[in-house]
Structures are given as C-alpha cells and as structure tokens.
Protein backbone atom coordinates (compact mmCIF):
# COMPACT_ATOMS: atom_id res chain seq x y z
CA UNK A 1 -0.11 -0.07 -0.29
CA UNK A 2 1.56 3.19 -1.10
CA UNK A 3 0.56 6.43 0.30
CA UNK A 4 2.69 8.62 -1.27
CA UNK A 5 1.39 10.99 -4.32
CA UNK A 6 3.02 10.93 -7.71
CA UNK A 7 5.76 12.95 -8.95
CA UNK A 8 3.27 14.69 -10.80
CA UNK A 9 0.91 15.41 -8.19
CA UNK A 10 4.22 16.88 -6.03
CA UNK A 11 4.76 19.62 -8.99
CA UNK A 12 1.10 20.31 -9.02
CA UNK A 13 1.19 20.82 -4.85
CA UNK A 14 4.08 23.08 -5.43
CA UNK A 15 3.02 25.34 -8.59
CA UNK A 16 -0.26 26.09 -6.59
CA UNK A 17 1.75 26.84 -3.46
CA UNK A 18 4.20 29.57 -5.67
CA UNK A 19 0.93 30.53 -7.19
CA UNK A 20 -0.97 31.11 -3.88
CA UNK A 21 1.49 32.82 -1.93
CA UNK A 22 2.23 35.15 -4.85
CA UNK A 23 -1.15 36.40 -5.83
CA UNK A 24 -3.41 35.37 -3.14
CA UNK A 25 -1.82 35.93 0.22
CA UNK A 26 -1.36 39.90 -0.70
CA UNK A 27 -4.84 40.20 -1.27
CA UNK A 28 -7.08 37.66 1.21
CA UNK A 29 -7.41 39.79 3.91
CA UNK A 30 -8.88 42.65 1.85
CA UNK A 31 -10.81 40.38 -0.02
CA UNK A 32 -12.52 39.30 3.12
CA UNK A 33 -12.99 42.89 4.27
CA UNK A 34 -14.59 44.11 0.91
CA UNK A 35 -16.79 40.90 0.43
CA UNK A 36 -15.17 40.31 -3.11
CA UNK A 37 -12.92 38.84 -5.01
CA UNK A 38 -10.01 40.32 -6.34
CA UNK A 39 -10.25 41.05 -10.19
CA UNK A 40 -6.63 40.20 -10.72
CA UNK A 41 -6.15 36.95 -9.05
CA UNK A 42 -9.26 36.11 -11.51
CA UNK A 43 -7.70 36.75 -14.37
CA UNK A 44 -4.34 34.91 -13.04
CA UNK A 45 -6.27 31.92 -12.09
CA UNK A 46 -7.65 31.75 -15.61
CA UNK A 47 -4.01 32.10 -17.16
CA UNK A 48 -3.04 29.28 -14.75
CA UNK A 49 -6.55 27.22 -16.19
CA UNK A 50 -7.47 26.45 -12.65
CA UNK A 51 -10.90 27.04 -13.82
CA UNK A 52 -10.80 24.06 -16.15
CA UNK A 53 -8.98 21.90 -13.76
CA UNK A 54 -11.47 18.88 -14.02
CA UNK A 55 -12.12 19.42 -18.06
CA UNK A 56 -10.67 17.61 -20.88
CA UNK A 57 -7.99 19.19 -22.84
CA UNK A 58 -10.03 18.88 -25.81
CA UNK A 59 -12.40 21.48 -24.29
CA UNK A 60 -9.70 23.51 -23.22
CA UNK A 61 -9.27 22.50 -19.98
CA UNK A 62 -6.36 20.91 -17.51
CA UNK A 63 -7.61 17.59 -18.33
CA UNK A 64 -7.53 16.24 -14.46
CA UNK A 65 -11.20 15.53 -15.33
CA UNK A 66 -10.01 11.67 -14.28
CA UNK A 67 -7.60 12.60 -11.47
CA UNK A 68 -9.47 13.85 -8.36
CA UNK A 69 -6.65 13.39 -6.43
CA UNK A 70 -4.72 16.37 -8.06
CA UNK A 71 -8.29 18.33 -8.00
CA UNK A 72 -8.19 17.74 -4.27
CA UNK A 73 -4.46 18.93 -3.75
CA UNK A 74 -5.22 21.77 -6.06
CA UNK A 75 -8.00 22.75 -3.94
CA UNK A 76 -6.08 22.39 -0.44
CA UNK A 77 -3.60 24.46 -1.48
CA UNK A 78 -5.73 27.41 -2.06
CA UNK A 79 -7.77 26.53 0.72
CA UNK A 80 -4.59 26.93 3.08
CA UNK A 81 -4.52 30.58 2.45
CA UNK A 82 -7.98 31.32 1.64
CA UNK A 83 -11.03 29.61 1.94
CA UNK A 84 -12.79 31.87 -0.67
CA UNK A 85 -11.09 31.14 -3.75
CA UNK A 86 -11.09 27.74 -3.02
CA UNK A 87 -14.98 27.33 -2.41
CA UNK A 88 -15.14 29.70 -5.73
CA UNK A 89 -13.15 27.64 -7.70
CA UNK A 90 -14.26 23.95 -6.08
CA UNK A 91 -17.99 24.86 -7.20
CA UNK A 92 -17.30 25.96 -10.18
CA UNK A 93 -15.39 23.02 -11.16
CA UNK A 94 -16.92 19.97 -8.88
CA UNK A 95 -20.35 20.71 -9.32
CA UNK A 96 -20.85 22.38 -12.31
CA UNK A 97 -17.93 21.67 -14.94
CA UNK A 98 -17.49 17.69 -13.83
CA UNK A 99 -21.19 17.17 -13.85
CA UNK A 100 -21.50 18.64 -17.65
CA UNK A 101 -18.82 16.56 -18.59
CA UNK A 102 -19.77 13.55 -16.92
CA UNK A 103 -23.70 13.33 -17.67
CA UNK A 104 -24.07 15.90 -20.46
CA UNK A 105 -24.55 15.22 -24.09
CA UNK A 106 -21.83 16.13 -26.60
CA UNK A 107 -23.44 19.01 -27.75
CA UNK A 108 -23.94 20.10 -24.33
CA UNK A 109 -20.32 19.58 -23.81
CA UNK A 110 -19.52 21.38 -27.03
CA UNK A 111 -21.45 24.22 -26.10
CA UNK A 112 -20.74 25.27 -22.23
CA UNK A 113 -17.14 23.24 -21.15
CA UNK A 114 -15.21 25.25 -23.37
CA UNK A 115 -16.01 28.76 -21.99
CA UNK A 116 -16.22 27.52 -18.32
CA UNK A 117 -12.54 25.87 -18.57
CA UNK A 118 -11.39 29.33 -19.86
CA UNK A 119 -13.04 31.37 -17.04
CA UNK A 120 -15.08 33.37 -19.53
CA UNK A 121 -18.09 31.95 -17.54
CA UNK A 122 -18.44 31.04 -14.26
CA UNK A 123 -20.30 28.30 -13.15
CA UNK A 124 -23.22 27.78 -10.07
CA UNK A 125 -25.45 24.94 -8.80
CA UNK A 126 -28.67 25.75 -7.95
CA UNK A 127 -30.18 23.18 -5.26
CA UNK A 128 -31.06 25.04 -2.00
CA UNK A 129 -34.25 26.85 -1.40
CA UNK A 130 -36.26 28.79 1.54
CA UNK A 131 -38.30 25.11 2.29
CA UNK A 132 -35.58 23.15 1.07
CA UNK A 133 -32.28 22.72 3.13
CA UNK A 134 -31.06 19.70 3.79
CA UNK A 135 -34.10 17.89 2.84
CA UNK A 136 -33.14 18.43 -0.83
CA UNK A 137 -36.41 16.65 -2.08
CA UNK A 138 -38.66 19.42 -0.71
CA UNK A 139 -37.69 22.03 -3.85
CA UNK A 140 -40.51 23.93 -4.97
CA UNK A 141 -39.20 25.38 -8.20
CA UNK A 142 -40.84 23.93 -11.07
CA UNK A 143 -40.68 23.40 -14.51
CA UNK A 144 -43.75 22.84 -17.21
CA UNK A 145 -42.89 21.78 -20.79
CA UNK A 146 -44.22 23.98 -23.42
CA UNK A 147 -43.57 22.57 -26.89
CA UNK A 148 -40.12 22.52 -27.52
CA UNK A 149 -38.91 24.45 -24.14
CA UNK A 150 -39.21 24.46 -20.17
CA UNK A 151 -40.59 27.01 -18.63
CA UNK A 152 -38.85 27.35 -15.35
CA UNK A 153 -40.49 29.32 -12.21
CA UNK A 154 -38.88 29.42 -8.23
CA UNK A 155 -36.22 30.74 -6.36
CA UNK A 156 -32.80 29.33 -4.83
CA UNK A 157 -31.09 30.56 -1.91
CA UNK A 158 -27.37 30.15 -0.82
CA UNK A 159 -26.14 30.01 -4.09
CA UNK A 160 -22.11 29.93 -4.43
CA UNK A 161 -20.93 31.82 -7.15
CA UNK A 162 -24.85 32.76 -7.84
CA UNK A 163 -24.35 36.41 -8.58
CA UNK A 164 -21.59 36.39 -10.85
CA UNK A 165 -22.42 32.85 -12.43
CA UNK A 166 -23.21 32.81 -16.37
CA UNK A 167 -24.01 29.01 -16.34
CA UNK A 168 -26.58 27.35 -13.98
CA UNK A 169 -27.29 23.79 -13.07
CA UNK A 170 -30.71 23.89 -11.51
CA UNK A 171 -32.72 21.69 -9.79
CA UNK A 172 -36.51 21.72 -10.77
CA UNK A 173 -39.69 19.64 -10.14
CA UNK A 174 -40.88 18.21 -13.75
CA UNK A 175 -43.83 15.80 -12.13
CA UNK A 176 -45.88 14.33 -9.35
CA UNK A 177 -43.56 13.67 -6.29
CA UNK A 178 -43.14 9.75 -5.98
CA UNK A 179 -41.50 7.39 -3.99
CA UNK A 180 -38.48 6.99 -6.32
CA UNK A 181 -38.59 11.12 -6.11
CA UNK A 182 -38.51 11.02 -10.32
CA UNK A 183 -40.21 14.33 -10.05
CA UNK A 184 -36.96 15.88 -10.59
CA UNK A 185 -34.93 17.49 -13.79
CA UNK A 186 -31.86 18.74 -13.64
CA UNK A 187 -31.30 22.12 -16.33
CA UNK A 188 -28.70 24.02 -17.25
CA UNK A 189 -29.37 27.78 -17.49
CA UNK A 190 -27.68 30.39 -19.06
CA UNK A 191 -28.30 33.27 -17.00
CA UNK A 192 -28.81 35.63 -19.67
CA UNK A 193 -31.76 34.39 -20.60
CA UNK A 194 -35.02 36.42 -20.09
CA UNK A 195 -36.91 36.09 -16.77
CA UNK A 196 -33.73 35.65 -14.84
CA UNK A 197 -32.28 37.42 -12.14
CA UNK A 198 -30.24 37.71 -8.93
CA UNK A 199 -31.82 38.58 -5.95
CA UNK A 200 -30.29 39.22 -1.96
CA UNK A 201 -26.67 38.98 -2.26
CA UNK A 202 -25.87 37.52 1.14
CA UNK A 203 -23.54 38.70 3.96
CA UNK A 204 -21.93 36.11 5.53
CA UNK A 205 -19.86 35.06 8.73
CA UNK A 206 -16.97 33.26 6.78
CA UNK A 207 -15.65 32.86 3.05
CA UNK A 208 -17.02 36.82 2.61
CA UNK A 209 -15.21 36.82 -0.53
CA UNK A 210 -16.80 34.15 -2.11
CA UNK A 211 -20.10 35.28 -4.00
CA UNK A 212 -23.64 33.82 -2.28
CA UNK A 213 -26.58 34.59 -3.86
CA UNK A 214 -30.61 34.17 -4.31
CA UNK A 215 -31.47 33.46 -7.68
CA UNK A 216 -35.00 34.02 -9.14
CA UNK A 217 -36.77 32.56 -12.31
CA UNK A 218 -39.97 33.85 -13.79
CA UNK A 219 -41.04 32.07 -16.93
CA UNK A 220 -37.56 31.56 -17.83
CA UNK A 221 -37.45 29.31 -20.93
CA UNK A 222 -34.65 26.74 -21.40
CA UNK A 223 -34.65 24.31 -24.56
CA UNK A 224 -35.21 20.97 -24.16
CA UNK A 225 -31.90 20.19 -25.35
CA UNK A 226 -30.76 21.68 -22.21
CA UNK A 227 -31.82 19.14 -19.90
CA UNK A 228 -28.94 17.26 -18.25
CA UNK A 229 -29.32 13.67 -18.04
CA UNK A 230 -32.84 12.38 -18.09
CA UNK A 231 -36.27 14.05 -17.16
CA UNK A 232 -37.84 12.89 -13.90
CA UNK A 233 -34.02 11.41 -13.08
CA UNK A 234 -32.57 14.83 -11.63
CA UNK A 235 -32.48 13.44 -8.05
CA UNK A 236 -29.70 10.82 -9.09
CA UNK A 237 -27.58 13.23 -10.82
CA UNK A 238 -27.82 15.79 -8.00
CA UNK A 239 -26.81 12.92 -5.31
CA UNK A 240 -24.00 12.35 -7.75
CA UNK A 241 -22.89 15.95 -7.99
CA UNK A 242 -22.66 15.76 -4.10
CA UNK A 243 -20.87 12.93 -3.59
CA UNK A 244 -18.42 14.50 -5.73
CA UNK A 245 -18.33 18.23 -4.49
CA UNK A 246 -18.19 16.94 -0.82
CA UNK A 247 -14.44 15.36 -1.69
CA UNK A 248 -13.64 19.07 -2.71
CA UNK A 249 -15.02 20.59 0.16
CA UNK A 250 -13.37 18.09 2.38
CA UNK A 251 -10.24 19.15 0.38
CA UNK A 252 -10.65 23.29 1.21
CA UNK A 253 -11.33 22.31 4.91
CA UNK A 254 -8.10 20.26 4.80
CA UNK A 255 -6.46 23.35 3.22
CA UNK A 256 -7.46 25.50 6.03
CA UNK A 257 -6.85 23.32 8.71
CA UNK A 258 -3.22 22.70 7.48
CA UNK A 259 -3.44 26.90 7.15
CA UNK A 260 -4.30 27.43 10.84
CA UNK A 261 -1.82 24.87 12.14
CA UNK A 262 1.09 26.35 10.31
CA UNK A 263 0.28 29.64 11.93
CA UNK A 264 -0.07 28.25 14.95
CA UNK A 265 3.51 26.46 14.95
CA UNK A 266 4.76 29.71 13.61
CA UNK A 267 3.53 31.83 16.26
CA UNK A 268 4.04 29.09 19.32
CA UNK A 269 8.02 29.04 17.89
CA UNK A 270 7.80 33.23 18.26
CA UNK A 271 5.91 34.20 20.94
CA UNK A 272 8.11 33.81 24.43
CA UNK A 273 6.09 34.23 27.63
CA UNK A 274 7.54 33.42 31.15
CA UNK A 275 11.03 33.65 29.56
CA UNK A 276 10.30 30.78 26.97
CA UNK A 277 8.75 30.21 23.55
CA UNK A 278 5.12 29.37 24.32
CA UNK A 279 5.60 26.07 21.98
CA UNK A 280 7.79 24.71 24.92
CA UNK A 281 4.63 24.39 27.12
CA UNK A 282 2.96 21.01 27.40
CA UNK A 283 -0.56 22.52 26.98
CA UNK A 284 0.67 24.62 23.55
CA UNK A 285 2.51 21.23 22.45
CA UNK A 286 -0.75 18.92 23.44
CA UNK A 287 -2.89 21.57 20.96
CA UNK A 288 -0.76 21.53 18.05
CA UNK A 289 -0.14 17.38 18.16
CA UNK A 290 -4.17 17.39 18.40
CA UNK A 291 -4.61 19.43 15.18
CA UNK A 292 -1.70 17.45 12.96
CA UNK A 293 -3.54 14.49 13.63
CA UNK A 294 -6.77 15.80 12.86
CA UNK A 295 -5.67 17.40 9.55
CA UNK A 296 -3.73 14.62 8.53
CA UNK A 297 -6.56 12.00 9.04
CA UNK A 298 -8.66 14.56 7.23
CA UNK A 299 -6.43 14.43 4.38
CA UNK A 300 -6.08 10.61 4.24
CA UNK A 301 -9.92 10.29 4.12
CA UNK A 302 -10.15 12.87 1.62
CA UNK A 303 -7.46 11.72 -0.79
CA UNK A 304 -8.94 7.88 -0.38
CA UNK A 305 -12.12 9.09 -1.49
CA UNK A 306 -10.58 10.89 -4.52
CA UNK A 307 -8.46 7.69 -4.89
CA UNK A 308 -11.74 5.84 -5.24
CA UNK A 309 -13.48 8.03 -7.82
CA UNK A 310 -10.55 7.80 -9.73
CA UNK A 311 -10.98 4.30 -9.96
CA UNK A 312 -14.69 3.75 -11.01
CA UNK A 313 -15.51 2.83 -7.50
CA UNK A 314 -18.16 3.17 -5.14
CA UNK A 315 -17.21 6.41 -3.02
CA UNK A 316 -20.15 8.18 -1.46
CA UNK A 317 -19.37 6.80 1.97
CA UNK A 318 -15.80 7.84 1.71
CA UNK A 319 -16.73 11.44 -0.03
CA UNK A 320 -19.01 11.65 3.26
CA UNK A 321 -16.63 10.88 5.70
CA UNK A 322 -14.10 12.94 4.48
CA UNK A 323 -16.92 16.35 4.32
CA UNK A 324 -17.36 15.11 7.95
CA UNK A 325 -13.72 14.54 9.23
CA UNK A 326 -12.48 17.00 7.48
CA UNK A 327 -14.97 20.00 8.07
CA UNK A 328 -14.65 19.36 12.07
CA UNK A 329 -10.88 19.07 12.00
CA UNK A 330 -10.55 22.50 10.40
CA UNK A 331 -13.24 23.92 12.84
CA UNK A 332 -10.90 22.35 15.67
CA UNK A 333 -7.81 23.44 13.92
CA UNK A 334 -8.70 27.18 13.78
CA UNK A 335 -10.52 27.52 17.11
CA UNK A 336 -7.14 25.90 18.46
CA UNK A 337 -5.15 28.36 16.51
CA UNK A 338 -6.91 31.15 17.28
CA UNK A 339 -6.63 30.17 21.67
CA UNK A 340 -2.81 29.77 20.60
CA UNK A 341 -2.39 33.02 19.53
CA UNK A 342 -4.66 34.26 22.85
CA UNK A 343 -5.75 38.32 22.28
CA UNK A 344 -3.79 38.51 19.17
CA UNK A 345 -6.22 35.91 17.36
CA UNK A 346 -9.10 37.68 17.95
CA UNK A 347 -7.79 40.34 15.54
CA UNK A 348 -8.35 40.94 12.11
CA UNK A 349 -4.73 41.77 11.73
CA UNK A 350 -4.02 37.90 12.08
CA UNK A 351 -5.03 35.73 9.45
CA UNK A 352 -6.33 32.73 12.11
CA UNK A 353 -9.36 35.37 12.78
CA UNK A 354 -10.06 34.87 9.11
CA UNK A 355 -9.54 31.24 8.97
CA UNK A 356 -11.73 30.46 12.23
CA UNK A 357 -14.78 32.41 10.53
CA UNK A 358 -14.29 30.45 7.31
CA UNK A 359 -14.31 26.98 8.98
CA UNK A 360 -17.78 27.36 10.30
CA UNK A 361 -18.74 27.04 7.00
CA UNK A 362 -17.63 24.01 6.06
CA UNK A 363 -19.88 22.03 8.54
CA UNK A 364 -23.24 23.55 7.03
CA UNK A 365 -22.70 23.62 3.32
CA UNK A 366 -22.79 21.12 0.69
CA UNK A 367 -24.61 19.13 3.53
CA UNK A 368 -24.21 19.75 7.38
CA UNK A 369 -22.43 17.66 9.73
CA UNK A 370 -25.65 15.91 10.99
CA UNK A 371 -26.95 15.18 6.99
CA UNK A 372 -23.07 13.52 6.54
CA UNK A 373 -23.80 11.14 9.49
CA UNK A 374 -26.70 10.40 8.32
CA UNK A 375 -25.68 9.29 4.89
CA UNK A 376 -22.73 7.54 6.30
CA UNK A 377 -25.00 5.39 8.61
CA UNK A 378 -27.49 4.97 5.85
CA UNK A 379 -24.59 3.15 3.89
CA UNK A 380 -22.94 1.00 6.43
CA UNK A 381 -26.55 -0.19 7.74
CA UNK A 382 -27.71 -0.84 4.13
CA UNK A 383 -24.93 -2.99 3.56
CA UNK A 384 -23.41 -4.27 7.00
CA UNK A 385 -20.08 -5.72 7.30
C-alpha cells in the first residue's frame, strides 16, 4: 500500500503553492474585508487554467477530469490561504463543469465546457431553497414543458457564485412526487435568459469574498436540449454531484486546517512568555499535536475518496466521511489556532481570525455535519459488514 502522491502531483502542489503565495495571500485580507474577489487574481486563475481543472484538454481544460486526487491537492493548497477562492473554484469545477462532462450530451459539452474551462463563464449549482435545505427532495421550483421549451419558475438561495455565474445547473420539479423521487430534473441555464435575475447577495460570517446569492426564475424558457441527463431523473444526478462535490469541500477544509496549523506553529515558536517560547509549554504542544493528527486524518480520508472516484469505484460513503471529518478538523484546528494566539487571535490583522470564521462554513454547506452522519449511517446499515 503506497500512500505517497506521484511526482506529477507533487509538482502540482508546488506550483499551486507558489501561485497562491504570490497572488492570493497579498490580497486575501482585503478581499475578506470588501466581500469580493480580487479581479487580478481572477485573471491569474484563468491564466493558470484553474477553472478548467476537471475539464478535458479537448475542451480547453487542464485534463485532470480523471485525476480527482490532483484536483483535491489544488483546492487544498488554495484553501490553505483563502477558503473564499477555494470554494469559488471548487464549486465551479466540481458541481458544474464536472457534471457537464460526466452527464452532458456531446452538444452540451461542446457548447458549455469551453467557456467554463477558460473562465469566461463561471458556474453555480442551484439546489437549496427556503423550504428545501437538508431535505433536497422538498424543492418547489418547477418546470413545465411547453412545446420545445421548459418554462422554469421559482427561486433558489445560498447559491455559491450565484451572483457572478453565467452558467447554472438548476434542480426543478417536473412532475408529481413519487417514492423514487422521479419528479426531479436537472437543467442547464444560461443567466442571460430573459426572466432570470439575481436576488439578495448574502452577507456571511465566513468565506466572505465568495459570492453567495439568491437566484430568481420567472418564466425562464429553457430549450429541451438543456436537460442534463434524463427528465425525471435529476435527483440521481444531484446525489452524484453532491458526492463528488463533498470531496472538494473536504479538500478545502483540509487546506484550511493545515493553514491554521502552520500559523499556530509559527506563532508558538516565536511568542515568548514566562521567559521562554510558548511552544515549550505542554498545553500548547498538546493543542498542536491534536491539530496535526486531525488534519492528517482528514487528508487521508479525502485522498482515499478521491482515489476511489478515480478508480471508478463507489465513493459516496467515503466522500461523506471525508467531508464530515475534514470540516470538523478545520473547525477544531482554527479554534485551537485562535486560542494559541490568545488576544491576537481575535484581531483581524492575524489570519487565524479569518480562518476561524471560514471554517464554520465547512460544517454547513453541501450537507451539514448532521446530514453527513445520516448519510454515513445509511450506507453502513444498508450494506453491513
């Protein structure tokens, strides 16, 4: 059993780390303060093809569509310094571009993947509604077929990238609910379509630079060829999208936990109290040991889920495990980092304050920790040992 990553993946990690240190770190604090992404970083991300991570080269992507481990490494390295950019990039790639490649028709791939890969258009996934959060089957947004078009009505909330996206994947009801939940259909929606509008932009606790918005659909007419997958089978696609997306959220959380650990270690080796560096105190050492163990455990689970995906094996259980463990590891790691920094940890001049706020988001989006535990238990009880 070999736990090492390949030379190519080591190179990807090194290049991404150099990139984020040069372009993202200098502006991360200001982006958080202004609640917007830095436009220069956006251009540099496009130049590096980070928006095309999981899109084949034939569509202008980076060609890592069958190398989820490398995808996770990239998001981990971005998350290590700025969770806002990690979630913006991760959502665009994992729950929009990847499903289009995986489930889209040839015509859909030709039309949508190239601008997504180039970063000319950003993607967003529209599932959550005011009355359909953890219970995704409660979606009320509906689509009715009229001739060769579907007419979409309803609204979505908490859509990451929603206010800046040009391409959406939207889950809507297209029939009566049954036991198999075959009343769901997934649609590809161009935001330039008449009847679409962006509602409230959310003012969030964490990942503040990322855009989270309400999306409104009023008689939005969608051509029949924009159905992703089969009519009535959108719930199956949504579940697969979430399974894959959770690997990437886990990777973001691993990066966040790693970043907090690094800041804590640096501070513990520099700060002196009672005549010695605080890193020599057993209480501080225990905190750092716990942080390191939790982050490494989360990393291994995340890489395992990514590996299973790349091998074409079932990975739904492992992706939920990774998301649960990584998000809670990030929360614990950032909390301990703040504690190690003492009063300075509460100040915005210190990165751990932002990391602490960002970490909470990981326990909520793409399925809360409680939902992950339900998913994990469902898998285990169904299959047994």
